[in-house]
């Protein structure tokens, strides 16, 4: 079985522009991938591989909108019928994550992973942490699975327990990445 992992960036645009992001120094290039170009990429990949891990990344991939992902999953599902094995993921900042996206992801066996800077009012590394925290709590109460990915820096390293207890309280797997 030939396996490939693809980190696909359908856009480098981002609504939050966190200071620690790898795009902060290089800029956030405007533009969005067309669904036709997405299908062209997928077609080329399936010519050579029969097991594909595809992770939607960015910028902020949810800026592509619900319709893009609905069509993208339709394209992927077409190739599943040809015996291609898929493992799908998405890394988002969680700002636009809502019940519609969660249902779409669940129907395509994706658990969204949210880049999370900590619970509640801890807007140390980026703005909008409060809204993202509220989204996580609301979606978890409705039973939607979510993974959390925390970036630990000098600014928030004393708050690791807050990450842990928030994740535990909301039933979210948590991964912490140190960036110093």
C-alpha atoms as a PDB file:
ATOM      1  CA  UNK A   1       0.000   0.000   0.000  1.00  0.00           C
ATOM      2  CA  UNK A   2       1.433   3.354  -1.038  1.00  0.00           C
ATOM      3  CA  UNK A   3       0.716   6.058   1.555  1.00  0.00           C
ATOM      4  CA  UNK A   4       1.119   9.833   1.434  1.00  0.00           C
ATOM      5  CA  UNK A   5       0.307  12.597   3.900  1.00  0.00           C
ATOM      6  CA  UNK A   6      -0.721  15.917   2.366  1.00  0.00           C
ATOM      7  CA  UNK A   7      -1.004  19.181   4.289  1.00  0.00           C
ATOM      8  CA  UNK A   8      -3.309  21.169   2.025  1.00  0.00           C
ATOM      9  CA  UNK A   9      -3.644  24.936   2.379  1.00  0.00           C
ATOM     10  CA  UNK A  10      -6.733  26.009   0.459  1.00  0.00           C
ATOM     11  CA  UNK A  11      -5.988  29.562   1.631  1.00  0.00           C
ATOM     12  CA  UNK A  12      -3.247  31.365   3.503  1.00  0.00           C
ATOM     13  CA  UNK A  13      -5.662  34.116   4.536  1.00  0.00           C
ATOM     14  CA  UNK A  14      -6.451  34.320   8.241  1.00  0.00           C
ATOM     15  CA  UNK A  15      -8.897  36.272  10.342  1.00  0.00           C
ATOM     16  CA  UNK A  16      -6.754  36.280  13.524  1.00  0.00           C
ATOM     17  CA  UNK A  17      -3.124  36.671  12.413  1.00  0.00           C
ATOM     18  CA  UNK A  18      -1.503  35.467  15.611  1.00  0.00           C
ATOM     19  CA  UNK A  19       1.908  36.956  16.409  1.00  0.00           C
ATOM     20  CA  UNK A  20       3.523  33.529  16.873  1.00  0.00           C
ATOM     21  CA  UNK A  21       2.200  32.063  13.598  1.00  0.00           C
ATOM     22  CA  UNK A  22       4.721  31.006  10.961  1.00  0.00           C
ATOM     23  CA  UNK A  23       2.824  33.260   8.520  1.00  0.00           C
ATOM     24  CA  UNK A  24       3.431  36.326  10.708  1.00  0.00           C
ATOM     25  CA  UNK A  25       6.843  36.965   9.153  1.00  0.00           C
ATOM     26  CA  UNK A  26       6.025  35.891   5.612  1.00  0.00           C
ATOM     27  CA  UNK A  27       2.599  37.481   5.274  1.00  0.00           C
ATOM     28  CA  UNK A  28      -0.860  36.170   4.643  1.00  0.00           C
ATOM     29  CA  UNK A  29      -1.146  35.781   0.895  1.00  0.00           C
ATOM     30  CA  UNK A  30      -4.631  36.604  -0.355  1.00  0.00           C
ATOM     31  CA  UNK A  31      -6.458  34.124  -2.481  1.00  0.00           C
ATOM     32  CA  UNK A  32      -8.438  30.940  -2.249  1.00  0.00           C
ATOM     33  CA  UNK A  33      -8.064  27.617  -4.011  1.00  0.00           C
ATOM     34  CA  UNK A  34     -10.753  26.876  -6.567  1.00  0.00           C
ATOM     35  CA  UNK A  35     -12.668  23.625  -6.253  1.00  0.00           C
ATOM     36  CA  UNK A  36     -11.461  22.714  -9.758  1.00  0.00           C
ATOM     37  CA  UNK A  37      -7.829  23.065  -8.680  1.00  0.00           C
ATOM     38  CA  UNK A  38      -8.600  21.013  -5.561  1.00  0.00           C
ATOM     39  CA  UNK A  39     -10.013  18.239  -7.737  1.00  0.00           C
ATOM     40  CA  UNK A  40      -6.955  18.392  -9.999  1.00  0.00           C
ATOM     41  CA  UNK A  41      -4.677  17.937  -6.964  1.00  0.00           C
ATOM     42  CA  UNK A  42      -6.743  15.019  -5.667  1.00  0.00           C
ATOM     43  CA  UNK A  43      -6.784  13.367  -9.083  1.00  0.00           C
ATOM     44  CA  UNK A  44      -2.974  13.549  -9.303  1.00  0.00           C
ATOM     45  CA  UNK A  45      -2.543  12.130  -5.790  1.00  0.00           C
ATOM     46  CA  UNK A  46      -4.833   9.150  -6.339  1.00  0.00           C
ATOM     47  CA  UNK A  47      -2.918   8.212  -9.487  1.00  0.00           C
ATOM     48  CA  UNK A  48       0.040   7.190  -7.309  1.00  0.00           C
ATOM     49  CA  UNK A  49      -1.317   6.443  -3.835  1.00  0.00           C
ATOM     50  CA  UNK A  50      -4.049   4.243  -2.412  1.00  0.00           C
ATOM     51  CA  UNK A  51      -3.851   5.486   1.190  1.00  0.00           C
ATOM     52  CA  UNK A  52      -4.054   9.246   1.626  1.00  0.00           C
ATOM     53  CA  UNK A  53      -3.939  11.345   4.776  1.00  0.00           C
ATOM     54  CA  UNK A  54      -5.217  14.800   3.904  1.00  0.00           C
ATOM     55  CA  UNK A  55      -5.165  17.628   6.439  1.00  0.00           C
ATOM     56  CA  UNK A  56      -6.773  20.955   5.597  1.00  0.00           C
ATOM     57  CA  UNK A  57      -4.618  23.727   7.033  1.00  0.00           C
ATOM     58  CA  UNK A  58      -3.979  27.387   6.430  1.00  0.00           C
ATOM     59  CA  UNK A  59      -4.083  30.373   7.167  1.00  0.00           C
ATOM     60  CA  UNK A  60      -7.597  29.676   8.364  1.00  0.00           C
ATOM     61  CA  UNK A  61      -9.111  26.911   6.234  1.00  0.00           C
ATOM     62  CA  UNK A  62     -12.699  27.623   7.287  1.00  0.00           C
ATOM     63  CA  UNK A  63     -12.489  30.940   5.416  1.00  0.00           C
ATOM     64  CA  UNK A  64     -13.087  28.759   2.357  1.00  0.00           C
ATOM     65  CA  UNK A  65     -16.704  28.379   3.459  1.00  0.00           C
ATOM     66  CA  UNK A  66     -19.094  25.503   3.937  1.00  0.00           C
ATOM     67  CA  UNK A  67     -19.812  24.986   0.221  1.00  0.00           C
ATOM     68  CA  UNK A  68     -16.129  24.457  -0.606  1.00  0.00           C
ATOM     69  CA  UNK A  69     -15.869  21.626   1.925  1.00  0.00           C
ATOM     70  CA  UNK A  70     -19.160  20.075   0.906  1.00  0.00           C
ATOM     71  CA  UNK A  71     -17.890  19.895  -2.681  1.00  0.00           C
ATOM     72  CA  UNK A  72     -14.393  18.808  -1.610  1.00  0.00           C
ATOM     73  CA  UNK A  73     -15.797  15.868   0.384  1.00  0.00           C
ATOM     74  CA  UNK A  74     -17.967  14.923  -2.575  1.00  0.00           C
ATOM     75  CA  UNK A  75     -14.810  14.730  -4.712  1.00  0.00           C
ATOM     76  CA  UNK A  76     -12.994  12.682  -2.064  1.00  0.00           C
ATOM     77  CA  UNK A  77     -15.970  10.327  -1.676  1.00  0.00           C
ATOM     78  CA  UNK A  78     -15.912   9.688  -5.418  1.00  0.00           C
ATOM     79  CA  UNK A  79     -12.388   8.282  -5.042  1.00  0.00           C
ATOM     80  CA  UNK A  80     -13.300   6.213  -1.972  1.00  0.00           C
ATOM     81  CA  UNK A  81     -15.407   4.145  -4.326  1.00  0.00           C
ATOM     82  CA  UNK A  82     -12.203   3.289  -6.211  1.00  0.00           C
ATOM     83  CA  UNK A  83     -10.711   1.608  -3.149  1.00  0.00           C
ATOM     84  CA  UNK A  84      -8.700   4.608  -1.996  1.00  0.00           C
ATOM     85  CA  UNK A  85      -8.352   4.762   1.790  1.00  0.00           C
ATOM     86  CA  UNK A  86      -8.647   8.278   3.252  1.00  0.00           C
ATOM     87  CA  UNK A  87      -7.770   9.762   6.610  1.00  0.00           C
ATOM     88  CA  UNK A  88      -9.015  13.346   6.809  1.00  0.00           C
ATOM     89  CA  UNK A  89      -8.309  16.180   9.224  1.00  0.00           C
ATOM     90  CA  UNK A  90      -8.654  19.928   9.586  1.00  0.00           C
ATOM     91  CA  UNK A  91      -6.685  22.406  11.701  1.00  0.00           C
ATOM     92  CA  UNK A  92      -8.677  25.569  12.438  1.00  0.00           C
ATOM     93  CA  UNK A  93      -8.527  28.482  14.842  1.00  0.00           C
ATOM     94  CA  UNK A  94     -12.144  27.672  15.757  1.00  0.00           C
ATOM     95  CA  UNK A  95     -13.515  31.156  15.169  1.00  0.00           C
ATOM     96  CA  UNK A  96     -15.898  30.074  12.386  1.00  0.00           C
ATOM     97  CA  UNK A  97     -16.503  26.540  13.643  1.00  0.00           C
ATOM     98  CA  UNK A  98     -20.227  26.040  14.092  1.00  0.00           C
ATOM     99  CA  UNK A  99     -22.754  23.228  14.202  1.00  0.00           C
ATOM    100  CA  UNK A 100     -23.123  23.093  10.387  1.00  0.00           C
ATOM    101  CA  UNK A 101     -19.378  22.634   9.895  1.00  0.00           C
ATOM    102  CA  UNK A 102     -19.252  20.069  12.723  1.00  0.00           C
ATOM    103  CA  UNK A 103     -22.048  17.988  11.196  1.00  0.00           C
ATOM    104  CA  UNK A 104     -20.353  18.092   7.796  1.00  0.00           C
ATOM    105  CA  UNK A 105     -17.026  17.053   9.308  1.00  0.00           C
ATOM    106  CA  UNK A 106     -18.596  14.263  11.363  1.00  0.00           C
ATOM    107  CA  UNK A 107     -20.337  12.858   8.286  1.00  0.00           C
ATOM    108  CA  UNK A 108     -16.875  12.669   6.688  1.00  0.00           C
ATOM    109  CA  UNK A 109     -15.140  11.151   9.744  1.00  0.00           C
ATOM    110  CA  UNK A 110     -13.216  14.300  10.666  1.00  0.00           C
ATOM    111  CA  UNK A 111     -12.680  15.544  14.181  1.00  0.00           C
ATOM    112  CA  UNK A 112     -11.697  19.206  13.865  1.00  0.00           C
ATOM    113  CA  UNK A 113      -8.571  20.280  15.700  1.00  0.00           C
ATOM    114  CA  UNK A 114      -8.655  23.799  17.109  1.00  0.00           C
ATOM    115  CA  UNK A 115      -5.496  25.824  17.638  1.00  0.00           C
ATOM    116  CA  UNK A 116      -6.338  27.042  21.112  1.00  0.00           C
ATOM    117  CA  UNK A 117      -4.606  29.649  23.230  1.00  0.00           C
ATOM    118  CA  UNK A 118      -6.327  28.813  26.480  1.00  0.00           C
ATOM    119  CA  UNK A 119      -9.707  29.202  28.087  1.00  0.00           C
ATOM    120  CA  UNK A 120     -11.933  32.209  28.552  1.00  0.00           C
ATOM    121  CA  UNK A 121     -10.454  35.637  28.980  1.00  0.00           C
ATOM    122  CA  UNK A 122      -6.837  34.583  28.531  1.00  0.00           C
ATOM    123  CA  UNK A 123      -6.267  36.730  25.408  1.00  0.00           C
ATOM    124  CA  UNK A 124      -2.498  36.710  25.934  1.00  0.00           C
ATOM    125  CA  UNK A 125      -1.363  35.424  22.548  1.00  0.00           C
ATOM    126  CA  UNK A 126      -4.225  36.400  20.248  1.00  0.00           C
ATOM    127  CA  UNK A 127      -7.543  38.164  20.206  1.00  0.00           C
ATOM    128  CA  UNK A 128     -10.867  36.347  20.091  1.00  0.00           C
ATOM    129  CA  UNK A 129      -9.915  33.618  22.581  1.00  0.00           C
ATOM    130  CA  UNK A 130     -13.203  34.245  24.407  1.00  0.00           C
ATOM    131  CA  UNK A 131     -15.293  33.596  21.278  1.00  0.00           C
ATOM    132  CA  UNK A 132     -13.308  30.473  20.431  1.00  0.00           C
ATOM    133  CA  UNK A 133     -13.702  29.199  24.006  1.00  0.00           C
ATOM    134  CA  UNK A 134     -17.459  29.793  23.790  1.00  0.00           C
ATOM    135  CA  UNK A 135     -17.597  27.921  20.455  1.00  0.00           C
ATOM    136  CA  UNK A 136     -15.790  24.936  21.971  1.00  0.00           C
ATOM    137  CA  UNK A 137     -18.071  24.780  25.023  1.00  0.00           C
ATOM    138  CA  UNK A 138     -21.247  25.186  22.933  1.00  0.00           C
ATOM    139  CA  UNK A 139     -20.244  22.545  20.368  1.00  0.00           C
ATOM    140  CA  UNK A 140     -19.086  20.062  23.007  1.00  0.00           C
ATOM    141  CA  UNK A 141     -22.415  20.469  24.889  1.00  0.00           C
ATOM    142  CA  UNK A 142     -24.136  19.451  21.650  1.00  0.00           C
ATOM    143  CA  UNK A 143     -21.915  16.365  21.505  1.00  0.00           C
ATOM    144  CA  UNK A 144     -19.569  17.362  18.694  1.00  0.00           C
ATOM    145  CA  UNK A 145     -16.043  15.934  19.094  1.00  0.00           C
ATOM    146  CA  UNK A 146     -13.195  18.459  19.037  1.00  0.00           C
ATOM    147  CA  UNK A 147      -9.435  18.161  19.530  1.00  0.00           C
ATOM    148  CA  UNK A 148      -7.421  21.017  21.034  1.00  0.00           C
ATOM    149  CA  UNK A 149      -3.902  22.061  20.130  1.00  0.00           C
ATOM    150  CA  UNK A 150      -2.295  24.597  22.441  1.00  0.00           C
ATOM    151  CA  UNK A 151       0.774  26.648  21.724  1.00  0.00           C
ATOM    152  CA  UNK A 152       2.854  27.245  24.842  1.00  0.00           C
ATOM    153  CA  UNK A 153       5.159  30.262  24.893  1.00  0.00           C
ATOM    154  CA  UNK A 154       6.924  32.275  27.582  1.00  0.00           C
ATOM    155  CA  UNK A 155       3.779  34.393  27.816  1.00  0.00           C
ATOM    156  CA  UNK A 156       1.462  31.556  28.842  1.00  0.00           C
ATOM    157  CA  UNK A 157       3.659  28.754  30.180  1.00  0.00           C
ATOM    158  CA  UNK A 158       2.439  29.367  33.741  1.00  0.00           C
ATOM    159  CA  UNK A 159      -1.114  28.625  32.596  1.00  0.00           C
ATOM    160  CA  UNK A 160      -0.659  25.041  31.380  1.00  0.00           C
ATOM    161  CA  UNK A 161      -2.958  23.765  34.128  1.00  0.00           C
ATOM    162  CA  UNK A 162      -5.714  26.034  32.794  1.00  0.00           C
ATOM    163  CA  UNK A 163      -5.415  24.337  29.396  1.00  0.00           C
ATOM    164  CA  UNK A 164      -5.524  20.911  31.007  1.00  0.00           C
ATOM    165  CA  UNK A 165      -8.562  21.550  33.198  1.00  0.00           C
ATOM    166  CA  UNK A 166     -10.484  23.256  30.385  1.00  0.00           C
ATOM    167  CA  UNK A 167      -9.827  20.303  28.054  1.00  0.00           C
ATOM    168  CA  UNK A 168     -10.734  17.789  30.766  1.00  0.00           C
ATOM    169  CA  UNK A 169     -13.900  19.675  31.743  1.00  0.00           C
ATOM    170  CA  UNK A 170     -15.062  19.765  28.117  1.00  0.00           C
ATOM    171  CA  UNK A 171     -13.966  16.249  27.154  1.00  0.00           C
ATOM    172  CA  UNK A 172     -11.470  17.373  24.512  1.00  0.00           C
ATOM    173  CA  UNK A 173      -8.190  15.615  23.732  1.00  0.00           C
ATOM    174  CA  UNK A 174      -5.361  18.128  24.173  1.00  0.00           C
ATOM    175  CA  UNK A 175      -1.907  18.422  22.643  1.00  0.00           C
ATOM    176  CA  UNK A 176       0.476  21.143  23.806  1.00  0.00           C
ATOM    177  CA  UNK A 177       3.250  22.428  21.551  1.00  0.00           C
ATOM    178  CA  UNK A 178       6.030  24.478  23.134  1.00  0.00           C
ATOM    179  CA  UNK A 179       7.293  27.406  21.047  1.00  0.00           C
ATOM    180  CA  UNK A 180      10.100  29.328  22.733  1.00  0.00           C
END
